[in-house]
Amino acid sequence: MLQHYLFVGFTAIYYSQSAANPQRRPHLFASLALQEAEGSRTVDRIRQVKTAEIPLWLDEQMQRHISDEVRHAQIFTKAVEREGYFIDLDSEAAQQSLSSVGEGSMRRYHQVDDLAAAPLPSLLASVLLAEEMGVRGFRCILRALPSDLTVTRTALESVLRDEERHVRYLTDALRYFRATSVVDAYRRDIESKMFKDLGKVVEFLTKPATERPSLVQPGQKPDLSLI
């Protein structure tokens, strides 16, 4: 229980500080744009490799999920641009960010070379955990976001509604497969790993924005097709 509250607390600190800090905020939005883009590709990949195991109602929800994540990536890309920056996809930070989320991260966690080798409930549980973290994060961002960023706030509120719906359908899916214990076990495992790396987590949270690898560059870049 202590580990859970620490995990939630550190997540809240990171998102709140990043949303409130004008130096960190463009980087936060850029990171979220990449995460959402990778999320759409990952859910699409699960849908492709597990077609025979996915009932029609779940397939429809997953298709909507994929479309949502594509839209979210565009929303966060535009949020970066409203801050006066564009996402530097060629940067080292972008490559590190992409390698730490999505399908590659999921393959490493489940220790498989292809997602087809992992059980469908395990894959859905992993997506659910990411969506739960997204819900917590977006709530923190909205609380900390400066009140004058009205366009960004409205867009983020729509993202939050989508993420809450994703949590609901994925929870229903795990109940359908009688696999709710899977997500509970994964949640404890991830929180335990974070607790073991507490020093690294604190270092990450307290590192000044100027010392972090940058995902963004000043200026405008309206072409959204890259992500």
C-alpha atoms as a PDB file:
ATOM      1  CA  MET A   1       0.000   0.000   0.000  1.00  0.00           C
ATOM      2  CA  LEU A   2       2.840   2.394   0.848  1.00  0.00           C
ATOM      3  CA  GLN A   3       4.439   1.696  -2.525  1.00  0.00           C
ATOM      4  CA  HIS A   4       1.149   2.458  -4.273  1.00  0.00           C
ATOM      5  CA  TYR A   5       0.760   5.829  -2.562  1.00  0.00           C
ATOM      6  CA  LEU A   6       4.380   6.715  -3.271  1.00  0.00           C
ATOM      7  CA  PHE A   7       3.926   5.835  -6.941  1.00  0.00           C
ATOM      8  CA  VAL A   8       0.762   7.936  -7.185  1.00  0.00           C
ATOM      9  CA  GLY A   9       2.381  10.776  -5.265  1.00  0.00           C
ATOM     10  CA  PHE A  10       5.514  10.944  -7.392  1.00  0.00           C
ATOM     11  CA  THR A  11       3.403  10.792 -10.553  1.00  0.00           C
ATOM     12  CA  ALA A  12       1.321  13.717  -9.314  1.00  0.00           C
ATOM     13  CA  ILE A  13       4.429  15.757  -8.482  1.00  0.00           C
ATOM     14  CA  TYR A  14       5.963  15.163 -11.903  1.00  0.00           C
ATOM     15  CA  TYR A  15       2.871  16.060 -13.919  1.00  0.00           C
ATOM     16  CA  SER A  16       1.904  19.025 -11.733  1.00  0.00           C
ATOM     17  CA  GLN A  17       5.367  20.578 -11.728  1.00  0.00           C
ATOM     18  CA  SER A  18       5.809  20.011 -15.454  1.00  0.00           C
ATOM     19  CA  ALA A  19       2.416  21.503 -16.339  1.00  0.00           C
ATOM     20  CA  ALA A  20       2.966  24.595 -14.201  1.00  0.00           C
ATOM     21  CA  ASN A  21       6.548  25.265 -15.335  1.00  0.00           C
ATOM     22  CA  PRO A  22       6.716  27.061 -18.723  1.00  0.00           C
ATOM     23  CA  GLN A  23      10.162  25.587 -19.346  1.00  0.00           C
ATOM     24  CA  ARG A  24       9.034  22.010 -18.727  1.00  0.00           C
ATOM     25  CA  ARG A  25       5.533  22.240 -20.205  1.00  0.00           C
ATOM     26  CA  PRO A  26       6.482  22.013 -23.923  1.00  0.00           C
ATOM     27  CA  HIS A  27       8.639  18.966 -23.171  1.00  0.00           C
ATOM     28  CA  LEU A  28       5.773  17.365 -21.216  1.00  0.00           C
ATOM     29  CA  PHE A  29       3.333  17.887 -24.081  1.00  0.00           C
ATOM     30  CA  ALA A  30       5.875  16.566 -26.588  1.00  0.00           C
ATOM     31  CA  SER A  31       6.440  13.455 -24.494  1.00  0.00           C
ATOM     32  CA  LEU A  32       2.698  12.877 -24.280  1.00  0.00           C
ATOM     33  CA  ALA A  33       2.323  13.320 -28.041  1.00  0.00           C
ATOM     34  CA  LEU A  34       4.894  10.583 -28.649  1.00  0.00           C
ATOM     35  CA  GLN A  35       3.327   8.322 -26.010  1.00  0.00           C
ATOM     36  CA  GLU A  36      -0.138   8.680 -27.513  1.00  0.00           C
ATOM     37  CA  ALA A  37       1.152   8.015 -31.037  1.00  0.00           C
ATOM     38  CA  GLU A  38       2.957   4.892 -29.837  1.00  0.00           C
ATOM     39  CA  GLY A  39      -0.127   3.897 -27.880  1.00  0.00           C
ATOM     40  CA  SER A  40      -2.249   3.882 -31.020  1.00  0.00           C
ATOM     41  CA  ARG A  41       0.284   1.702 -32.827  1.00  0.00           C
ATOM     42  CA  THR A  42       0.546  -0.697 -29.896  1.00  0.00           C
ATOM     43  CA  VAL A  43      -3.198  -1.226 -29.532  1.00  0.00           C
ATOM     44  CA  ASP A  44      -3.427  -1.692 -33.302  1.00  0.00           C
ATOM     45  CA  ARG A  45      -0.666  -4.304 -33.145  1.00  0.00           C
ATOM     46  CA  ILE A  46      -2.454  -6.199 -30.346  1.00  0.00           C
ATOM     47  CA  ARG A  47      -5.648  -6.110 -32.369  1.00  0.00           C
ATOM     48  CA  GLN A  48      -3.832  -7.515 -35.412  1.00  0.00           C
ATOM     49  CA  VAL A  49      -2.018 -10.378 -33.693  1.00  0.00           C
ATOM     50  CA  LYS A  50      -4.934 -11.400 -31.470  1.00  0.00           C
ATOM     51  CA  THR A  51      -7.798 -11.080 -33.968  1.00  0.00           C
ATOM     52  CA  ALA A  52      -9.091 -14.607 -33.401  1.00  0.00           C
ATOM     53  CA  GLU A  53      -9.333 -14.065 -29.627  1.00  0.00           C
ATOM     54  CA  ILE A  54     -11.047 -10.676 -29.609  1.00  0.00           C
ATOM     55  CA  PRO A  55     -14.874 -10.610 -29.476  1.00  0.00           C
ATOM     56  CA  LEU A  56     -16.675  -8.127 -31.710  1.00  0.00           C
ATOM     57  CA  TRP A  57     -17.608  -5.704 -28.909  1.00  0.00           C
ATOM     58  CA  LEU A  58     -13.993  -5.516 -27.767  1.00  0.00           C
ATOM     59  CA  ASP A  59     -12.698  -5.096 -31.308  1.00  0.00           C
ATOM     60  CA  GLU A  60     -14.995  -2.102 -31.788  1.00  0.00           C
ATOM     61  CA  GLN A  61     -13.724  -0.529 -28.584  1.00  0.00           C
ATOM     62  CA  MET A  62     -10.108  -1.121 -29.591  1.00  0.00           C
ATOM     63  CA  GLN A  63     -10.676   0.483 -32.994  1.00  0.00           C
ATOM     64  CA  ARG A  64     -12.116   3.536 -31.277  1.00  0.00           C
ATOM     65  CA  HIS A  65      -9.190   3.515 -28.839  1.00  0.00           C
ATOM     66  CA  ILE A  66      -6.724   3.578 -31.750  1.00  0.00           C
ATOM     67  CA  SER A  67      -8.497   6.557 -33.330  1.00  0.00           C
ATOM     68  CA  ASP A  68      -8.588   8.342 -29.974  1.00  0.00           C
ATOM     69  CA  GLU A  69      -4.846   7.983 -29.463  1.00  0.00           C
ATOM     70  CA  VAL A  70      -4.097   9.346 -32.934  1.00  0.00           C
ATOM     71  CA  ARG A  71      -6.247  12.380 -32.119  1.00  0.00           C
ATOM     72  CA  HIS A  72      -4.529  12.781 -28.749  1.00  0.00           C
ATOM     73  CA  ALA A  73      -1.113  12.829 -30.413  1.00  0.00           C
ATOM     74  CA  GLN A  74      -2.321  15.648 -32.643  1.00  0.00           C
ATOM     75  CA  ILE A  75      -3.770  17.520 -29.662  1.00  0.00           C
ATOM     76  CA  PHE A  76      -0.489  17.404 -27.757  1.00  0.00           C
ATOM     77  CA  THR A  77       1.499  18.322 -30.854  1.00  0.00           C
ATOM     78  CA  LYS A  78      -0.651  21.423 -31.264  1.00  0.00           C
ATOM     79  CA  ALA A  79      -0.234  22.158 -27.550  1.00  0.00           C
ATOM     80  CA  VAL A  80       3.542  22.150 -28.052  1.00  0.00           C
ATOM     81  CA  GLU A  81       3.158  24.561 -30.958  1.00  0.00           C
ATOM     82  CA  ARG A  82       0.987  26.907 -28.898  1.00  0.00           C
ATOM     83  CA  GLU A  83       3.879  27.050 -26.434  1.00  0.00           C
ATOM     84  CA  GLY A  84       6.092  28.263 -29.297  1.00  0.00           C
ATOM     85  CA  TYR A  85       7.985  25.024 -30.005  1.00  0.00           C
ATOM     86  CA  PHE A  86       7.952  21.978 -32.263  1.00  0.00           C
ATOM     87  CA  ILE A  87       8.801  18.363 -31.493  1.00  0.00           C
ATOM     88  CA  ASP A  88      12.337  17.440 -32.522  1.00  0.00           C
ATOM     89  CA  LEU A  89      11.796  13.856 -33.667  1.00  0.00           C
ATOM     90  CA  ASP A  90      15.486  13.507 -34.557  1.00  0.00           C
ATOM     91  CA  SER A  91      16.654  14.325 -31.045  1.00  0.00           C
ATOM     92  CA  GLU A  92      18.212  11.786 -28.709  1.00  0.00           C
ATOM     93  CA  ALA A  93      15.459  12.537 -26.222  1.00  0.00           C
ATOM     94  CA  ALA A  94      12.786  11.618 -28.781  1.00  0.00           C
ATOM     95  CA  GLN A  95      14.461   8.319 -29.570  1.00  0.00           C
ATOM     96  CA  GLN A  96      14.798   7.503 -25.875  1.00  0.00           C
ATOM     97  CA  SER A  97      11.167   8.407 -25.289  1.00  0.00           C
ATOM     98  CA  LEU A  98       9.917   6.234 -28.146  1.00  0.00           C
ATOM     99  CA  SER A  99      11.983   3.250 -27.006  1.00  0.00           C
ATOM    100  CA  SER A 100      10.608   3.478 -23.454  1.00  0.00           C
ATOM    101  CA  VAL A 101       6.920   3.290 -24.388  1.00  0.00           C
ATOM    102  CA  GLY A 102       4.649   1.345 -26.700  1.00  0.00           C
ATOM    103  CA  GLU A 103       5.237  -2.031 -28.268  1.00  0.00           C
ATOM    104  CA  GLY A 104       8.963  -2.200 -27.539  1.00  0.00           C
ATOM    105  CA  SER A 105       8.421  -1.543 -23.854  1.00  0.00           C
ATOM    106  CA  MET A 106       5.609  -4.092 -23.741  1.00  0.00           C
ATOM    107  CA  ARG A 107       7.732  -6.772 -25.404  1.00  0.00           C
ATOM    108  CA  ARG A 108      10.495  -6.210 -22.864  1.00  0.00           C
ATOM    109  CA  TYR A 109       8.097  -6.349 -19.932  1.00  0.00           C
ATOM    110  CA  HIS A 110       6.486  -9.587 -21.117  1.00  0.00           C
ATOM    111  CA  GLN A 111       9.854 -10.976 -22.298  1.00  0.00           C
ATOM    112  CA  VAL A 112       8.658 -11.852 -25.793  1.00  0.00           C
ATOM    113  CA  ASP A 113      10.014 -11.097 -29.258  1.00  0.00           C
ATOM    114  CA  ASP A 114       6.519 -10.588 -30.625  1.00  0.00           C
ATOM    115  CA  LEU A 115       3.332  -9.538 -28.865  1.00  0.00           C
ATOM    116  CA  ALA A 116       1.603 -12.531 -30.428  1.00  0.00           C
ATOM    117  CA  ALA A 117       3.501 -14.714 -27.942  1.00  0.00           C
ATOM    118  CA  ALA A 118       1.967 -13.003 -24.901  1.00  0.00           C
ATOM    119  CA  PRO A 119      -1.545 -13.876 -23.627  1.00  0.00           C
ATOM    120  CA  LEU A 120      -4.215 -11.379 -24.675  1.00  0.00           C
ATOM    121  CA  PRO A 121      -5.314 -10.624 -21.065  1.00  0.00           C
ATOM    122  CA  SER A 122      -1.713  -9.798 -20.171  1.00  0.00           C
ATOM    123  CA  LEU A 123      -1.459  -7.357 -23.060  1.00  0.00           C
ATOM    124  CA  LEU A 124      -4.778  -5.742 -22.188  1.00  0.00           C
ATOM    125  CA  ALA A 125      -3.675  -5.447 -18.557  1.00  0.00           C
ATOM    126  CA  SER A 126      -0.540  -3.612 -19.648  1.00  0.00           C
ATOM    127  CA  VAL A 127      -2.574  -1.182 -21.735  1.00  0.00           C
ATOM    128  CA  LEU A 128      -4.976  -0.669 -18.833  1.00  0.00           C
ATOM    129  CA  LEU A 129      -2.133   0.282 -16.484  1.00  0.00           C
ATOM    130  CA  ALA A 130      -0.889   2.843 -19.006  1.00  0.00           C
ATOM    131  CA  GLU A 131      -4.383   4.276 -19.347  1.00  0.00           C
ATOM    132  CA  GLU A 132      -4.809   4.473 -15.568  1.00  0.00           C
ATOM    133  CA  MET A 133      -1.563   6.397 -15.334  1.00  0.00           C
ATOM    134  CA  GLY A 134      -2.758   8.659 -18.117  1.00  0.00           C
ATOM    135  CA  VAL A 135      -5.973   9.439 -16.262  1.00  0.00           C
ATOM    136  CA  ARG A 136      -4.052  10.348 -13.094  1.00  0.00           C
ATOM    137  CA  GLY A 137      -1.566  12.393 -15.075  1.00  0.00           C
ATOM    138  CA  PHE A 138      -4.119  14.366 -17.072  1.00  0.00           C
ATOM    139  CA  ARG A 139      -6.076  15.193 -13.933  1.00  0.00           C
ATOM    140  CA  CYS A 140      -2.905  16.564 -12.352  1.00  0.00           C
ATOM    141  CA  ILE A 141      -2.056  18.535 -15.490  1.00  0.00           C
ATOM    142  CA  LEU A 142      -5.498  20.121 -15.611  1.00  0.00           C
ATOM    143  CA  ARG A 143      -5.253  21.165 -11.959  1.00  0.00           C
ATOM    144  CA  ALA A 144      -1.816  22.726 -12.464  1.00  0.00           C
ATOM    145  CA  LEU A 145      -2.263  24.201 -15.948  1.00  0.00           C
ATOM    146  CA  PRO A 146      -2.311  28.027 -15.959  1.00  0.00           C
ATOM    147  CA  SER A 147      -5.871  29.308 -16.288  1.00  0.00           C
ATOM    148  CA  ASP A 148      -5.124  31.416 -19.370  1.00  0.00           C
ATOM    149  CA  LEU A 149      -4.321  28.329 -21.512  1.00  0.00           C
ATOM    150  CA  THR A 150      -8.000  27.860 -22.296  1.00  0.00           C
ATOM    151  CA  VAL A 151      -7.634  26.161 -25.689  1.00  0.00           C
ATOM    152  CA  THR A 152      -5.151  23.638 -24.335  1.00  0.00           C
ATOM    153  CA  ARG A 153      -7.327  23.025 -21.273  1.00  0.00           C
ATOM    154  CA  THR A 154     -10.432  22.299 -23.359  1.00  0.00           C
ATOM    155  CA  ALA A 155      -8.472  19.876 -25.539  1.00  0.00           C
ATOM    156  CA  LEU A 156      -6.991  18.109 -22.503  1.00  0.00           C
ATOM    157  CA  GLU A 157     -10.414  17.732 -20.937  1.00  0.00           C
ATOM    158  CA  SER A 158     -11.517  15.815 -24.039  1.00  0.00           C
ATOM    159  CA  VAL A 159      -8.411  13.628 -23.811  1.00  0.00           C
ATOM    160  CA  LEU A 160      -9.193  12.850 -20.171  1.00  0.00           C
ATOM    161  CA  ARG A 161     -12.739  11.795 -21.049  1.00  0.00           C
ATOM    162  CA  ASP A 162     -11.379   9.410 -23.675  1.00  0.00           C
ATOM    163  CA  GLU A 163      -8.820   7.947 -21.271  1.00  0.00           C
ATOM    164  CA  GLU A 164     -11.484   7.363 -18.636  1.00  0.00           C
ATOM    165  CA  ARG A 165     -13.549   5.497 -21.229  1.00  0.00           C
ATOM    166  CA  HIS A 166     -10.506   3.396 -22.163  1.00  0.00           C
ATOM    167  CA  VAL A 167     -10.068   2.410 -18.518  1.00  0.00           C
ATOM    168  CA  ARG A 168     -13.708   1.341 -18.327  1.00  0.00           C
ATOM    169  CA  TYR A 169     -13.716  -0.859 -21.415  1.00  0.00           C
ATOM    170  CA  LEU A 170     -10.362  -2.454 -20.609  1.00  0.00           C
ATOM    171  CA  THR A 171     -11.576  -3.209 -17.093  1.00  0.00           C
ATOM    172  CA  ASP A 172     -14.682  -4.799 -18.624  1.00  0.00           C
ATOM    173  CA  ALA A 173     -12.468  -6.811 -20.977  1.00  0.00           C
ATOM    174  CA  LEU A 174     -10.374  -8.217 -18.139  1.00  0.00           C
ATOM    175  CA  ARG A 175     -13.550  -9.178 -16.299  1.00  0.00           C
ATOM    176  CA  TYR A 176     -14.793 -10.850 -19.487  1.00  0.00           C
ATOM    177  CA  PHE A 177     -11.580 -12.917 -19.648  1.00  0.00           C
ATOM    178  CA  ARG A 178     -11.697 -13.498 -15.858  1.00  0.00           C
ATOM    179  CA  ALA A 179      -8.258 -11.964 -15.591  1.00  0.00           C
ATOM    180  CA  THR A 180      -8.601  -9.027 -13.199  1.00  0.00           C
ATOM    181  CA  SER A 181      -5.918 -10.572 -10.999  1.00  0.00           C
ATOM    182  CA  VAL A 182      -3.429 -10.103 -13.837  1.00  0.00           C
ATOM    183  CA  VAL A 183      -3.601  -6.315 -13.761  1.00  0.00           C
ATOM    184  CA  ASP A 184      -3.396  -6.284  -9.958  1.00  0.00           C
ATOM    185  CA  ALA A 185      -0.207  -8.347 -10.106  1.00  0.00           C
ATOM    186  CA  TYR A 186       1.321  -6.111 -12.801  1.00  0.00           C
ATOM    187  CA  ARG A 187       0.428  -2.992 -10.837  1.00  0.00           C
ATOM    188  CA  ARG A 188       2.199  -4.321  -7.734  1.00  0.00           C
ATOM    189  CA  ASP A 189       5.200  -5.371  -9.809  1.00  0.00           C
ATOM    190  CA  ILE A 190       5.617  -1.979 -11.459  1.00  0.00           C
ATOM    191  CA  GLU A 191       5.194  -0.108  -8.187  1.00  0.00           C
ATOM    192  CA  SER A 192       7.704  -2.419  -6.528  1.00  0.00           C
ATOM    193  CA  LYS A 193      10.266  -1.746  -9.255  1.00  0.00           C
ATOM    194  CA  MET A 194       9.729   1.985  -8.899  1.00  0.00           C
ATOM    195  CA  PHE A 195      10.202   1.697  -5.137  1.00  0.00           C
ATOM    196  CA  LYS A 196      13.521  -0.099  -5.648  1.00  0.00           C
ATOM    197  CA  ASP A 197      14.653   2.695  -7.987  1.00  0.00           C
ATOM    198  CA  LEU A 198      13.424   5.454  -5.674  1.00  0.00           C
ATOM    199  CA  GLY A 199      16.710   7.320  -5.855  1.00  0.00           C
ATOM    200  CA  LYS A 200      16.554   7.510  -9.649  1.00  0.00           C
ATOM    201  CA  VAL A 201      12.938   8.622  -9.499  1.00  0.00           C
ATOM    202  CA  VAL A 202      13.749  11.464  -7.091  1.00  0.00           C
ATOM    203  CA  GLU A 203      16.725  12.499  -9.226  1.00  0.00           C
ATOM    204  CA  PHE A 204      14.506  12.592 -12.313  1.00  0.00           C
ATOM    205  CA  LEU A 205      11.837  14.671 -10.580  1.00  0.00           C
ATOM    206  CA  THR A 206      14.273  17.206  -9.151  1.00  0.00           C
ATOM    207  CA  LYS A 207      16.504  17.674 -12.200  1.00  0.00           C
ATOM    208  CA  PRO A 208      16.228  21.262 -13.528  1.00  0.00           C
ATOM    209  CA  ALA A 209      14.518  21.663 -16.893  1.00  0.00           C
ATOM    210  CA  THR A 210      17.698  23.138 -18.386  1.00  0.00           C
ATOM    211  CA  GLU A 211      19.604  19.920 -17.601  1.00  0.00           C
ATOM    212  CA  ARG A 212      17.069  17.550 -19.182  1.00  0.00           C
ATOM    213  CA  PRO A 213      17.447  16.246 -22.749  1.00  0.00           C
ATOM    214  CA  SER A 214      15.107  18.338 -24.865  1.00  0.00           C
ATOM    215  CA  LEU A 215      12.314  16.937 -27.018  1.00  0.00           C
ATOM    216  CA  VAL A 216      11.498  20.326 -28.498  1.00  0.00           C
ATOM    217  CA  GLN A 217      13.017  23.195 -30.426  1.00  0.00           C
ATOM    218  CA  PRO A 218      11.826  26.809 -30.561  1.00  0.00           C
ATOM    219  CA  GLY A 219       9.627  27.765 -33.487  1.00  0.00           C
ATOM    220  CA  GLN A 220       6.587  26.485 -35.314  1.00  0.00           C
ATOM    221  CA  LYS A 221       6.301  23.292 -37.326  1.00  0.00           C
ATOM    222  CA  PRO A 222       2.676  22.756 -38.379  1.00  0.00           C
ATOM    223  CA  ASP A 223       3.195  19.461 -40.233  1.00  0.00           C
ATOM    224  CA  LEU A 224       1.568  16.865 -37.929  1.00  0.00           C
ATOM    225  CA  SER A 225       2.022  13.902 -40.266  1.00  0.00           C
ATOM    226  CA  LEU A 226       5.334  12.904 -38.733  1.00  0.00           C
ATOM    227  CA  ILE A 227       3.626  11.466 -35.699  1.00  0.00           C
END
